[in-house]
Amino acid sequence: DAVALAAEVRRVRPTCGVALTVDMPTRVFVDRALKAGVLSIVPKSAGL
């Protein structure tokens, strides 16, 4: 679960930011990720 992994990163290293690359992110996923402290969510369709 990428959001749980992000939360774990923030727990073990609070100063480390987290960014996610997602194929088809949804609003529910985005909301969960933001609550977990994720700084960036980028759809892969956005390009390199």
ModelCIF file with pLDDT and N, C-alpha, C, O atoms, coordinates in Angstrom:
data_MODEL
#
_entry.id   MODEL 
#
_entity.id                         1 
_entity.type                       polymer 
_entity.pdbx_number_of_molecules   1 
#
_entity_poly.entity_id                      1 
_entity_poly.type                           'polypeptide(L)' 
_entity_poly.nstd_linkage                   no 
_entity_poly.nstd_monomer                   no 
_entity_poly.pdbx_seq_one_letter_code       DAVALAAEVRRVRPTCGVALTVDMPTRVFVDRALKAGVLSIVPKSAGL 
_entity_poly.pdbx_seq_one_letter_code_can   DAVALAAEVRRVRPTCGVALTVDMPTRVFVDRALKAGVLSIVPKSAGL 
_entity_poly.pdbx_strand_id                 A 
#
loop_
_entity_poly_seq.entity_id 
_entity_poly_seq.num 
_entity_poly_seq.mon_id 
_entity_poly_seq.hetero 
1 1  ASP n 
1 2  ALA n 
1 3  VAL n 
1 4  ALA n 
1 5  LEU n 
1 6  ALA n 
1 7  ALA n 
1 8  GLU n 
1 9  VAL n 
1 10 ARG n 
1 11 ARG n 
1 12 VAL n 
1 13 ARG n 
1 14 PRO n 
1 15 THR n 
1 16 CYS n 
1 17 GLY n 
1 18 VAL n 
1 19 ALA n 
1 20 LEU n 
1 21 THR n 
1 22 VAL n 
1 23 ASP n 
1 24 MET n 
1 25 PRO n 
1 26 THR n 
1 27 ARG n 
1 28 VAL n 
1 29 PHE n 
1 30 VAL n 
1 31 ASP n 
1 32 ARG n 
1 33 ALA n 
1 34 LEU n 
1 35 LYS n 
1 36 ALA n 
1 37 GLY n 
1 38 VAL n 
1 39 LEU n 
1 40 SER n 
1 41 ILE n 
1 42 VAL n 
1 43 PRO n 
1 44 LYS n 
1 45 SER n 
1 46 ALA n 
1 47 GLY n 
1 48 LEU n 
#
_struct_asym.id          A 
_struct_asym.entity_id   1 
#
loop_
_ma_qa_metric.id 
_ma_qa_metric.mode 
_ma_qa_metric.name 
_ma_qa_metric.software_group_id 
_ma_qa_metric.type 
1 global pLDDT . pLDDT 
2 local  pLDDT . pLDDT 
#
_ma_qa_metric_global.metric_id      1 
_ma_qa_metric_global.metric_value   82.25 
_ma_qa_metric_global.model_id       1 
_ma_qa_metric_global.ordinal_id     1 
#
loop_
_ma_qa_metric_local.label_asym_id 
_ma_qa_metric_local.label_comp_id 
_ma_qa_metric_local.label_seq_id 
_ma_qa_metric_local.metric_id 
_ma_qa_metric_local.metric_value 
_ma_qa_metric_local.model_id 
_ma_qa_metric_local.ordinal_id 
A ASP 1  2 80.00 1 1  
A ALA 2  2 82.00 1 2  
A VAL 3  2 86.00 1 3  
A ALA 4  2 87.00 1 4  
A LEU 5  2 87.00 1 5  
A ALA 6  2 88.00 1 6  
A ALA 7  2 90.00 1 7  
A GLU 8  2 91.00 1 8  
A VAL 9  2 90.00 1 9  
A ARG 10 2 90.00 1 10 
A ARG 11 2 91.00 1 11 
A VAL 12 2 92.00 1 12 
A ARG 13 2 90.00 1 13 
A PRO 14 2 90.00 1 14 
A THR 15 2 89.00 1 15 
A CYS 16 2 88.00 1 16 
A GLY 17 2 87.00 1 17 
A VAL 18 2 88.00 1 18 
A ALA 19 2 87.00 1 19 
A LEU 20 2 85.00 1 20 
A THR 21 2 81.00 1 21 
A VAL 22 2 78.00 1 22 
A ASP 23 2 72.00 1 23 
A MET 24 2 66.00 1 24 
A PRO 25 2 68.00 1 25 
A THR 26 2 70.00 1 26 
A ARG 27 2 69.00 1 27 
A VAL 28 2 73.00 1 28 
A PHE 29 2 78.00 1 29 
A VAL 30 2 80.00 1 30 
A ASP 31 2 79.00 1 31 
A ARG 32 2 83.00 1 32 
A ALA 33 2 85.00 1 33 
A LEU 34 2 84.00 1 34 
A LYS 35 2 85.00 1 35 
A ALA 36 2 87.00 1 36 
A GLY 37 2 87.00 1 37 
A VAL 38 2 89.00 1 38 
A LEU 39 2 88.00 1 39 
A SER 40 2 87.00 1 40 
A ILE 41 2 85.00 1 41 
A VAL 42 2 79.00 1 42 
A PRO 43 2 76.00 1 43 
A LYS 44 2 72.00 1 44 
A SER 45 2 70.00 1 45 
A ALA 46 2 71.00 1 46 
A GLY 47 2 73.00 1 47 
A LEU 48 2 75.00 1 48 
#
loop_
_atom_site.group_PDB 
_atom_site.id 
_atom_site.type_symbol 
_atom_site.label_atom_id 
_atom_site.label_alt_id 
_atom_site.label_comp_id 
_atom_site.label_asym_id 
_atom_site.label_entity_id 
_atom_site.label_seq_id 
_atom_site.pdbx_PDB_ins_code 
_atom_site.Cartn_x 
_atom_site.Cartn_y 
_atom_site.Cartn_z 
_atom_site.occupancy 
_atom_site.B_iso_or_equiv 
_atom_site.pdbx_formal_charge 
_atom_site.auth_seq_id 
_atom_site.auth_comp_id 
_atom_site.auth_asym_id 
_atom_site.auth_atom_id 
_atom_site.pdbx_PDB_model_num 
ATOM 1   N N  . ASP A 1 1  ? 0.881  -1.152 0.000   1.00 80.00 ? 1  ASP A N  1 
ATOM 2   C CA . ASP A 1 1  ? 0.000  0.000  0.000   1.00 80.00 ? 1  ASP A CA 1 
ATOM 3   C C  . ASP A 1 1  ? 0.927  1.211  0.000   1.00 80.00 ? 1  ASP A C  1 
ATOM 4   O O  . ASP A 1 1  ? 1.600  1.480  0.995   1.00 80.00 ? 1  ASP A O  1 
ATOM 5   N N  . ALA A 1 2  ? 0.963  1.939  -1.110  1.00 82.00 ? 2  ALA A N  1 
ATOM 6   C CA . ALA A 1 2  ? 1.897  3.055  -1.251  1.00 82.00 ? 2  ALA A CA 1 
ATOM 7   C C  . ALA A 1 2  ? 1.677  4.130  -0.192  1.00 82.00 ? 2  ALA A C  1 
ATOM 8   O O  . ALA A 1 2  ? 2.634  4.750  0.272   1.00 82.00 ? 2  ALA A O  1 
ATOM 9   N N  . VAL A 1 3  ? 0.428  4.354  0.189   1.00 86.00 ? 3  VAL A N  1 
ATOM 10  C CA . VAL A 1 3  ? 0.145  5.378  1.196   1.00 86.00 ? 3  VAL A CA 1 
ATOM 11  C C  . VAL A 1 3  ? 0.673  4.938  2.562   1.00 86.00 ? 3  VAL A C  1 
ATOM 12  O O  . VAL A 1 3  ? 1.220  5.749  3.309   1.00 86.00 ? 3  VAL A O  1 
ATOM 13  N N  . ALA A 1 4  ? 0.509  3.662  2.884   1.00 87.00 ? 4  ALA A N  1 
ATOM 14  C CA . ALA A 1 4  ? 1.055  3.145  4.151   1.00 87.00 ? 4  ALA A CA 1 
ATOM 15  C C  . ALA A 1 4  ? 2.577  3.224  4.143   1.00 87.00 ? 4  ALA A C  1 
ATOM 16  O O  . ALA A 1 4  ? 3.190  3.527  5.166   1.00 87.00 ? 4  ALA A O  1 
ATOM 17  N N  . LEU A 1 5  ? 3.186  2.953  2.994   1.00 87.00 ? 5  LEU A N  1 
ATOM 18  C CA . LEU A 1 5  ? 4.637  3.050  2.880   1.00 87.00 ? 5  LEU A CA 1 
ATOM 19  C C  . LEU A 1 5  ? 5.091  4.501  3.060   1.00 87.00 ? 5  LEU A C  1 
ATOM 20  O O  . LEU A 1 5  ? 6.101  4.768  3.710   1.00 87.00 ? 5  LEU A O  1 
ATOM 21  N N  . ALA A 1 6  ? 4.338  5.429  2.482   1.00 88.00 ? 6  ALA A N  1 
ATOM 22  C CA . ALA A 1 6  ? 4.655  6.848  2.647   1.00 88.00 ? 6  ALA A CA 1 
ATOM 23  C C  . ALA A 1 6  ? 4.584  7.259  4.113   1.00 88.00 ? 6  ALA A C  1 
ATOM 24  O O  . ALA A 1 6  ? 5.446  7.983  4.609   1.00 88.00 ? 6  ALA A O  1 
ATOM 25  N N  . ALA A 1 7  ? 3.551  6.789  4.794   1.00 90.00 ? 7  ALA A N  1 
ATOM 26  C CA . ALA A 1 7  ? 3.398  7.107  6.220   1.00 90.00 ? 7  ALA A CA 1 
ATOM 27  C C  . ALA A 1 7  ? 4.557  6.532  7.028   1.00 90.00 ? 7  ALA A C  1 
ATOM 28  O O  . ALA A 1 7  ? 5.025  7.164  7.976   1.00 90.00 ? 7  ALA A O  1 
ATOM 29  N N  . GLU A 1 8  ? 5.025  5.332  6.659   1.00 91.00 ? 8  GLU A N  1 
ATOM 30  C CA . GLU A 1 8  ? 6.152  4.713  7.345   1.00 91.00 ? 8  GLU A CA 1 
ATOM 31  C C  . GLU A 1 8  ? 7.440  5.519  7.137   1.00 91.00 ? 8  GLU A C  1 
ATOM 32  O O  . GLU A 1 8  ? 8.232  5.702  8.061   1.00 91.00 ? 8  GLU A O  1 
ATOM 33  N N  . VAL A 1 9  ? 7.626  5.994  5.904   1.00 90.00 ? 9  VAL A N  1 
ATOM 34  C CA . VAL A 1 9  ? 8.792  6.844  5.616   1.00 90.00 ? 9  VAL A CA 1 
ATOM 35  C C  . VAL A 1 9  ? 8.763  8.090  6.495   1.00 90.00 ? 9  VAL A C  1 
ATOM 36  O O  . VAL A 1 9  ? 9.776  8.466  7.084   1.00 90.00 ? 9  VAL A O  1 
ATOM 37  N N  . ARG A 1 10 ? 7.609  8.721  6.580   1.00 90.00 ? 10 ARG A N  1 
ATOM 38  C CA . ARG A 1 10 ? 7.477  9.944  7.391   1.00 90.00 ? 10 ARG A CA 1 
ATOM 39  C C  . ARG A 1 10 ? 7.683  9.644  8.882   1.00 90.00 ? 10 ARG A C  1 
ATOM 40  O O  . ARG A 1 10 ? 8.143  10.497 9.641   1.00 90.00 ? 10 ARG A O  1 
ATOM 41  N N  . ARG A 1 11 ? 7.332  8.408  9.287   1.00 91.00 ? 11 ARG A N  1 
ATOM 42  C CA . ARG A 1 11 ? 7.511  8.050  10.699  1.00 91.00 ? 11 ARG A CA 1 
ATOM 43  C C  . ARG A 1 11 ? 8.987  7.851  11.037  1.00 91.00 ? 11 ARG A C  1 
ATOM 44  O O  . ARG A 1 11 ? 9.472  8.346  12.055  1.00 91.00 ? 11 ARG A O  1 
ATOM 45  N N  . VAL A 1 12 ? 9.708  7.112  10.161  1.00 92.00 ? 12 VAL A N  1 
ATOM 46  C CA . VAL A 1 12 ? 11.109 6.814  10.476  1.00 92.00 ? 12 VAL A CA 1 
ATOM 47  C C  . VAL A 1 12 ? 12.046 7.981  10.160  1.00 92.00 ? 12 VAL A C  1 
ATOM 48  O O  . VAL A 1 12 ? 13.113 8.100  10.761  1.00 92.00 ? 12 VAL A O  1 
ATOM 49  N N  . ARG A 1 13 ? 11.652 8.841  9.220   1.00 90.00 ? 13 ARG A N  1 
ATOM 50  C CA . ARG A 1 13 ? 12.489 9.979  8.849   1.00 90.00 ? 13 ARG A CA 1 
ATOM 51  C C  . ARG A 1 13 ? 11.586 11.167 8.537   1.00 90.00 ? 13 ARG A C  1 
ATOM 52  O O  . ARG A 1 13 ? 11.320 11.443 7.367   1.00 90.00 ? 13 ARG A O  1 
ATOM 53  N N  . PRO A 1 14 ? 11.102 11.885 9.577   1.00 90.00 ? 14 PRO A N  1 
ATOM 54  C CA . PRO A 1 14 ? 10.133 12.981 9.387   1.00 90.00 ? 14 PRO A CA 1 
ATOM 55  C C  . PRO A 1 14 ? 10.592 14.081 8.434   1.00 90.00 ? 14 PRO A C  1 
ATOM 56  O O  . PRO A 1 14 ? 9.766  14.774 7.840   1.00 90.00 ? 14 PRO A O  1 
ATOM 57  N N  . THR A 1 15 ? 11.910 14.243 8.287   1.00 89.00 ? 15 THR A N  1 
ATOM 58  C CA . THR A 1 15 ? 12.414 15.300 7.402   1.00 89.00 ? 15 THR A CA 1 
ATOM 59  C C  . THR A 1 15 ? 12.448 14.879 5.939   1.00 89.00 ? 15 THR A C  1 
ATOM 60  O O  . THR A 1 15 ? 12.738 15.694 5.063   1.00 89.00 ? 15 THR A O  1 
ATOM 61  N N  . CYS A 1 16 ? 12.155 13.608 5.671   1.00 88.00 ? 16 CYS A N  1 
ATOM 62  C CA . CYS A 1 16 ? 12.184 13.110 4.292   1.00 88.00 ? 16 CYS A CA 1 
ATOM 63  C C  . CYS A 1 16 ? 10.822 13.323 3.640   1.00 88.00 ? 16 CYS A C  1 
ATOM 64  O O  . CYS A 1 16 ? 9.802  12.865 4.155   1.00 88.00 ? 16 CYS A O  1 
ATOM 65  N N  . GLY A 1 17 ? 10.813 14.009 2.523   1.00 87.00 ? 17 GLY A N  1 
ATOM 66  C CA . GLY A 1 17 ? 9.576  14.173 1.773   1.00 87.00 ? 17 GLY A CA 1 
ATOM 67  C C  . GLY A 1 17 ? 9.249  12.892 1.017   1.00 87.00 ? 17 GLY A C  1 
ATOM 68  O O  . GLY A 1 17 ? 10.118 12.039 0.833   1.00 87.00 ? 17 GLY A O  1 
ATOM 69  N N  . VAL A 1 18 ? 8.008  12.754 0.581   1.00 88.00 ? 18 VAL A N  1 
ATOM 70  C CA . VAL A 1 18 ? 7.595  11.580 -0.193  1.00 88.00 ? 18 VAL A CA 1 
ATOM 71  C C  . VAL A 1 18 ? 6.853  12.043 -1.435  1.00 88.00 ? 18 VAL A C  1 
ATOM 72  O O  . VAL A 1 18 ? 5.971  12.899 -1.367  1.00 88.00 ? 18 VAL A O  1 
ATOM 73  N N  . ALA A 1 19 ? 7.223  11.462 -2.575  1.00 87.00 ? 19 ALA A N  1 
ATOM 74  C CA . ALA A 1 19 ? 6.514  11.703 -3.828  1.00 87.00 ? 19 ALA A CA 1 
ATOM 75  C C  . ALA A 1 19 ? 6.076  10.357 -4.389  1.00 87.00 ? 19 ALA A C  1 
ATOM 76  O O  . ALA A 1 19 ? 6.779  9.359  -4.234  1.00 87.00 ? 19 ALA A O  1 
ATOM 77  N N  . LEU A 1 20 ? 4.914  10.327 -5.041  1.00 85.00 ? 20 LEU A N  1 
ATOM 78  C CA . LEU A 1 20 ? 4.381  9.097  -5.618  1.00 85.00 ? 20 LEU A CA 1 
ATOM 79  C C  . LEU A 1 20 ? 4.173  9.270  -7.116  1.00 85.00 ? 20 LEU A C  1 
ATOM 80  O O  . LEU A 1 20 ? 3.720  10.322 -7.566  1.00 85.00 ? 20 LEU A O  1 
ATOM 81  N N  . THR A 1 21 ? 4.505  8.234  -7.890  1.00 81.00 ? 21 THR A N  1 
ATOM 82  C CA . THR A 1 21 ? 4.114  8.196  -9.299  1.00 81.00 ? 21 THR A CA 1 
ATOM 83  C C  . THR A 1 21 ? 2.997  7.164  -9.408  1.00 81.00 ? 21 THR A C  1 
ATOM 84  O O  . THR A 1 21 ? 3.127  6.043  -8.917  1.00 81.00 ? 21 THR A O  1 
ATOM 85  N N  . VAL A 1 22 ? 1.906  7.547  -10.051 1.00 78.00 ? 22 VAL A N  1 
ATOM 86  C CA . VAL A 1 22 ? 0.697  6.727  -10.079 1.00 78.00 ? 22 VAL A CA 1 
ATOM 87  C C  . VAL A 1 22 ? 0.167  6.657  -11.502 1.00 78.00 ? 22 VAL A C  1 
ATOM 88  O O  . VAL A 1 22 ? 0.214  7.640  -12.242 1.00 78.00 ? 22 VAL A O  1 
ATOM 89  N N  . ASP A 1 23 ? -0.342 5.479  -11.881 1.00 72.00 ? 23 ASP A N  1 
ATOM 90  C CA . ASP A 1 23 ? -0.919 5.344  -13.221 1.00 72.00 ? 23 ASP A CA 1 
ATOM 91  C C  . ASP A 1 23 ? -2.219 6.121  -13.361 1.00 72.00 ? 23 ASP A C  1 
ATOM 92  O O  . ASP A 1 23 ? -2.349 6.965  -14.248 1.00 72.00 ? 23 ASP A O  1 
ATOM 93  N N  . MET A 1 24 ? -3.190 5.836  -12.481 1.00 66.00 ? 24 MET A N  1 
ATOM 94  C CA . MET A 1 24 ? -4.491 6.491  -12.554 1.00 66.00 ? 24 MET A CA 1 
ATOM 95  C C  . MET A 1 24 ? -4.941 6.906  -11.152 1.00 66.00 ? 24 MET A C  1 
ATOM 96  O O  . MET A 1 24 ? -5.804 6.252  -10.567 1.00 66.00 ? 24 MET A O  1 
ATOM 97  N N  . PRO A 1 25 ? -4.372 7.974  -10.610 1.00 68.00 ? 25 PRO A N  1 
ATOM 98  C CA . PRO A 1 25 ? -4.737 8.372  -9.246  1.00 68.00 ? 25 PRO A CA 1 
ATOM 99  C C  . PRO A 1 25 ? -6.179 8.846  -9.164  1.00 68.00 ? 25 PRO A C  1 
ATOM 100 O O  . PRO A 1 25 ? -6.700 9.451  -10.100 1.00 68.00 ? 25 PRO A O  1 
ATOM 101 N N  . THR A 1 26 ? -6.813 8.566  -8.044  1.00 70.00 ? 26 THR A N  1 
ATOM 102 C CA . THR A 1 26 ? -8.184 9.011  -7.811  1.00 70.00 ? 26 THR A CA 1 
ATOM 103 C C  . THR A 1 26 ? -8.203 10.016 -6.673  1.00 70.00 ? 26 THR A C  1 
ATOM 104 O O  . THR A 1 26 ? -7.214 10.180 -5.960  1.00 70.00 ? 26 THR A O  1 
ATOM 105 N N  . ARG A 1 27 ? -9.330 10.683 -6.510  1.00 69.00 ? 27 ARG A N  1 
ATOM 106 C CA . ARG A 1 27 ? -9.450 11.665 -5.434  1.00 69.00 ? 27 ARG A CA 1 
ATOM 107 C C  . ARG A 1 27 ? -9.300 10.996 -4.061  1.00 69.00 ? 27 ARG A C  1 
ATOM 108 O O  . ARG A 1 27 ? -8.693 11.568 -3.156  1.00 69.00 ? 27 ARG A O  1 
ATOM 109 N N  . VAL A 1 28 ? -9.847 9.799  -3.909  1.00 73.00 ? 28 VAL A N  1 
ATOM 110 C CA . VAL A 1 28 ? -9.735 9.072  -2.644  1.00 73.00 ? 28 VAL A CA 1 
ATOM 111 C C  . VAL A 1 28 ? -8.259 8.791  -2.339  1.00 73.00 ? 28 VAL A C  1 
ATOM 112 O O  . VAL A 1 28 ? -7.795 8.996  -1.217  1.00 73.00 ? 28 VAL A O  1 
ATOM 113 N N  . PHE A 1 29 ? -7.534 8.319  -3.355  1.00 78.00 ? 29 PHE A N  1 
ATOM 114 C CA . PHE A 1 29 ? -6.107 8.033  -3.193  1.00 78.00 ? 29 PHE A CA 1 
ATOM 115 C C  . PHE A 1 29 ? -5.346 9.304  -2.846  1.00 78.00 ? 29 PHE A C  1 
ATOM 116 O O  . PHE A 1 29 ? -4.511 9.299  -1.941  1.00 78.00 ? 29 PHE A O  1 
ATOM 117 N N  . VAL A 1 30 ? -5.625 10.392 -3.555  1.00 80.00 ? 30 VAL A N  1 
ATOM 118 C CA . VAL A 1 30 ? -4.950 11.669 -3.306  1.00 80.00 ? 30 VAL A CA 1 
ATOM 119 C C  . VAL A 1 30 ? -5.203 12.141 -1.880  1.00 80.00 ? 30 VAL A C  1 
ATOM 120 O O  . VAL A 1 30 ? -4.278 12.576 -1.194  1.00 80.00 ? 30 VAL A O  1 
ATOM 121 N N  . ASP A 1 31 ? -6.448 12.057 -1.435  1.00 79.00 ? 31 ASP A N  1 
ATOM 122 C CA . ASP A 1 31 ? -6.783 12.484 -0.061  1.00 79.00 ? 31 ASP A CA 1 
ATOM 123 C C  . ASP A 1 31 ? -6.019 11.675 0.975   1.00 79.00 ? 31 ASP A C  1 
ATOM 124 O O  . ASP A 1 31 ? -5.479 12.234 1.930   1.00 79.00 ? 31 ASP A O  1 
ATOM 125 N N  . ARG A 1 32 ? -5.972 10.343 0.787   1.00 83.00 ? 32 ARG A N  1 
ATOM 126 C CA . ARG A 1 32 ? -5.238 9.492  1.726   1.00 83.00 ? 32 ARG A CA 1 
ATOM 127 C C  . ARG A 1 32 ? -3.753 9.834  1.723   1.00 83.00 ? 32 ARG A C  1 
ATOM 128 O O  . ARG A 1 32 ? -3.117 9.904  2.775   1.00 83.00 ? 32 ARG A O  1 
ATOM 129 N N  . ALA A 1 33 ? -3.210 10.045 0.524   1.00 85.00 ? 33 ALA A N  1 
ATOM 130 C CA . ALA A 1 33 ? -1.780 10.335 0.403   1.00 85.00 ? 33 ALA A CA 1 
ATOM 131 C C  . ALA A 1 33 ? -1.422 11.661 1.076   1.00 85.00 ? 33 ALA A C  1 
ATOM 132 O O  . ALA A 1 33 ? -0.407 11.758 1.766   1.00 85.00 ? 33 ALA A O  1 
ATOM 133 N N  . LEU A 1 34 ? -2.250 12.669 0.875   1.00 84.00 ? 34 LEU A N  1 
ATOM 134 C CA . LEU A 1 34 ? -1.975 13.969 1.490   1.00 84.00 ? 34 LEU A CA 1 
ATOM 135 C C  . LEU A 1 34 ? -2.017 13.874 3.014   1.00 84.00 ? 34 LEU A C  1 
ATOM 136 O O  . LEU A 1 34 ? -1.211 14.496 3.705   1.00 84.00 ? 34 LEU A O  1 
ATOM 137 N N  . LYS A 1 35 ? -2.957 13.098 3.527   1.00 85.00 ? 35 LYS A N  1 
ATOM 138 C CA . LYS A 1 35 ? -3.039 12.909 4.982   1.00 85.00 ? 35 LYS A CA 1 
ATOM 139 C C  . LYS A 1 35 ? -1.806 12.189 5.511   1.00 85.00 ? 35 LYS A C  1 
ATOM 140 O O  . LYS A 1 35 ? -1.416 12.385 6.662   1.00 85.00 ? 35 LYS A O  1 
ATOM 141 N N  . ALA A 1 36 ? -1.188 11.351 4.672   1.00 87.00 ? 36 ALA A N  1 
ATOM 142 C CA . ALA A 1 36 ? 0.015  10.615 5.084   1.00 87.00 ? 36 ALA A CA 1 
ATOM 143 C C  . ALA A 1 36 ? 1.279  11.461 4.956   1.00 87.00 ? 36 ALA A C  1 
ATOM 144 O O  . ALA A 1 36 ? 2.368  11.008 5.311   1.00 87.00 ? 36 ALA A O  1 
ATOM 145 N N  . GLY A 1 37 ? 1.139  12.692 4.447   1.00 87.00 ? 37 GLY A N  1 
ATOM 146 C CA . GLY A 1 37 ? 2.297  13.579 4.344   1.00 87.00 ? 37 GLY A CA 1 
ATOM 147 C C  . GLY A 1 37 ? 2.996  13.571 3.003   1.00 87.00 ? 37 GLY A C  1 
ATOM 148 O O  . GLY A 1 37 ? 4.113  14.076 2.891   1.00 87.00 ? 37 GLY A O  1 
ATOM 149 N N  . VAL A 1 38 ? 2.362  13.005 1.972   1.00 89.00 ? 38 VAL A N  1 
ATOM 150 C CA . VAL A 1 38 ? 2.958  12.989 0.636   1.00 89.00 ? 38 VAL A CA 1 
ATOM 151 C C  . VAL A 1 38 ? 2.998  14.416 0.082   1.00 89.00 ? 38 VAL A C  1 
ATOM 152 O O  . VAL A 1 38 ? 2.023  15.161 0.180   1.00 89.00 ? 38 VAL A O  1 
ATOM 153 N N  . LEU A 1 39 ? 4.144  14.782 -0.503  1.00 88.00 ? 39 LEU A N  1 
ATOM 154 C CA . LEU A 1 39 ? 4.306  16.134 -1.054  1.00 88.00 ? 39 LEU A CA 1 
ATOM 155 C C  . LEU A 1 39 ? 3.889  16.230 -2.512  1.00 88.00 ? 39 LEU A C  1 
ATOM 156 O O  . LEU A 1 39 ? 3.453  17.288 -2.965  1.00 88.00 ? 39 LEU A O  1 
ATOM 157 N N  . SER A 1 40 ? 4.018  15.140 -3.248  1.00 87.00 ? 40 SER A N  1 
ATOM 158 C CA . SER A 1 40 ? 3.740  15.201 -4.681  1.00 87.00 ? 40 SER A CA 1 
ATOM 159 C C  . SER A 1 40 ? 3.163  13.882 -5.171  1.00 87.00 ? 40 SER A C  1 
ATOM 160 O O  . SER A 1 40 ? 3.648  12.809 -4.811  1.00 87.00 ? 40 SER A O  1 
ATOM 161 N N  . ILE A 1 41 ? 2.126  13.968 -5.993  1.00 85.00 ? 41 ILE A N  1 
ATOM 162 C CA . ILE A 1 41 ? 1.564  12.807 -6.675  1.00 85.00 ? 41 ILE A CA 1 
ATOM 163 C C  . ILE A 1 41 ? 1.544  13.156 -8.153  1.00 85.00 ? 41 ILE A C  1 
ATOM 164 O O  . ILE A 1 41 ? 0.893  14.114 -8.571  1.00 85.00 ? 41 ILE A O  1 
ATOM 165 N N  . VAL A 1 42 ? 2.261  12.371 -8.933  1.00 79.00 ? 42 VAL A N  1 
ATOM 166 C CA . VAL A 1 42 ? 2.390  12.692 -10.351 1.00 79.00 ? 42 VAL A CA 1 
ATOM 167 C C  . VAL A 1 42 ? 1.867  11.542 -11.194 1.00 79.00 ? 42 VAL A C  1 
ATOM 168 O O  . VAL A 1 42 ? 2.378  10.426 -11.097 1.00 79.00 ? 42 VAL A O  1 
ATOM 169 N N  . PRO A 1 43 ? 0.853  11.793 -12.024 1.00 76.00 ? 43 PRO A N  1 
ATOM 170 C CA . PRO A 1 43 ? 0.398  10.741 -12.942 1.00 76.00 ? 43 PRO A CA 1 
ATOM 171 C C  . PRO A 1 43 ? 1.501  10.443 -13.949 1.00 76.00 ? 43 PRO A C  1 
ATOM 172 O O  . PRO A 1 43 ? 2.153  11.361 -14.446 1.00 76.00 ? 43 PRO A O  1 
ATOM 173 N N  . LYS A 1 44 ? 1.711  9.167  -14.253 1.00 72.00 ? 44 LYS A N  1 
ATOM 174 C CA . LYS A 1 44 ? 2.760  8.820  -15.213 1.00 72.00 ? 44 LYS A CA 1 
ATOM 175 C C  . LYS A 1 44 ? 2.459  9.383  -16.596 1.00 72.00 ? 44 LYS A C  1 
ATOM 176 O O  . LYS A 1 44 ? 3.364  9.593  -17.403 1.00 72.00 ? 44 LYS A O  1 
ATOM 177 N N  . SER A 1 45 ? 1.188  9.623  -16.859 1.00 70.00 ? 45 SER A N  1 
ATOM 178 C CA . SER A 1 45 ? 0.804  10.191 -18.154 1.00 70.00 ? 45 SER A CA 1 
ATOM 179 C C  . SER A 1 45 ? 1.289  11.626 -18.311 1.00 70.00 ? 45 SER A C  1 
ATOM 180 O O  . SER A 1 45 ? 1.258  12.171 -19.415 1.00 70.00 ? 45 SER A O  1 
ATOM 181 N N  . ALA A 1 46 ? 1.737  12.244 -17.219 1.00 71.00 ? 46 ALA A N  1 
ATOM 182 C CA . ALA A 1 46 ? 2.200  13.629 -17.278 1.00 71.00 ? 46 ALA A CA 1 
ATOM 183 C C  . ALA A 1 46 ? 3.497  13.759 -18.060 1.00 71.00 ? 46 ALA A C  1 
ATOM 184 O O  . ALA A 1 46 ? 3.821  14.845 -18.541 1.00 71.00 ? 46 ALA A O  1 
ATOM 185 N N  . GLY A 1 47 ? 4.237  12.677 -18.192 1.00 73.00 ? 47 GLY A N  1 
ATOM 186 C CA . GLY A 1 47 ? 5.479  12.716 -18.948 1.00 73.00 ? 47 GLY A CA 1 
ATOM 187 C C  . GLY A 1 47 ? 6.698  12.868 -18.053 1.00 73.00 ? 47 GLY A C  1 
ATOM 188 O O  . GLY A 1 47 ? 6.602  13.320 -16.912 1.00 73.00 ? 47 GLY A O  1 
ATOM 189 N N  . LEU A 1 48 ? 7.848  12.479 -18.598 1.00 75.00 ? 48 LEU A N  1 
ATOM 190 C CA . LEU A 1 48 ? 9.086  12.452 -17.834 1.00 75.00 ? 48 LEU A CA 1 
ATOM 191 C C  . LEU A 1 48 ? 9.519  13.835 -17.359 1.00 75.00 ? 48 LEU A C  1 
ATOM 192 O O  . LEU A 1 48 ? 10.550 13.967 -16.700 1.00 75.00 ? 48 LEU A O  1 
#
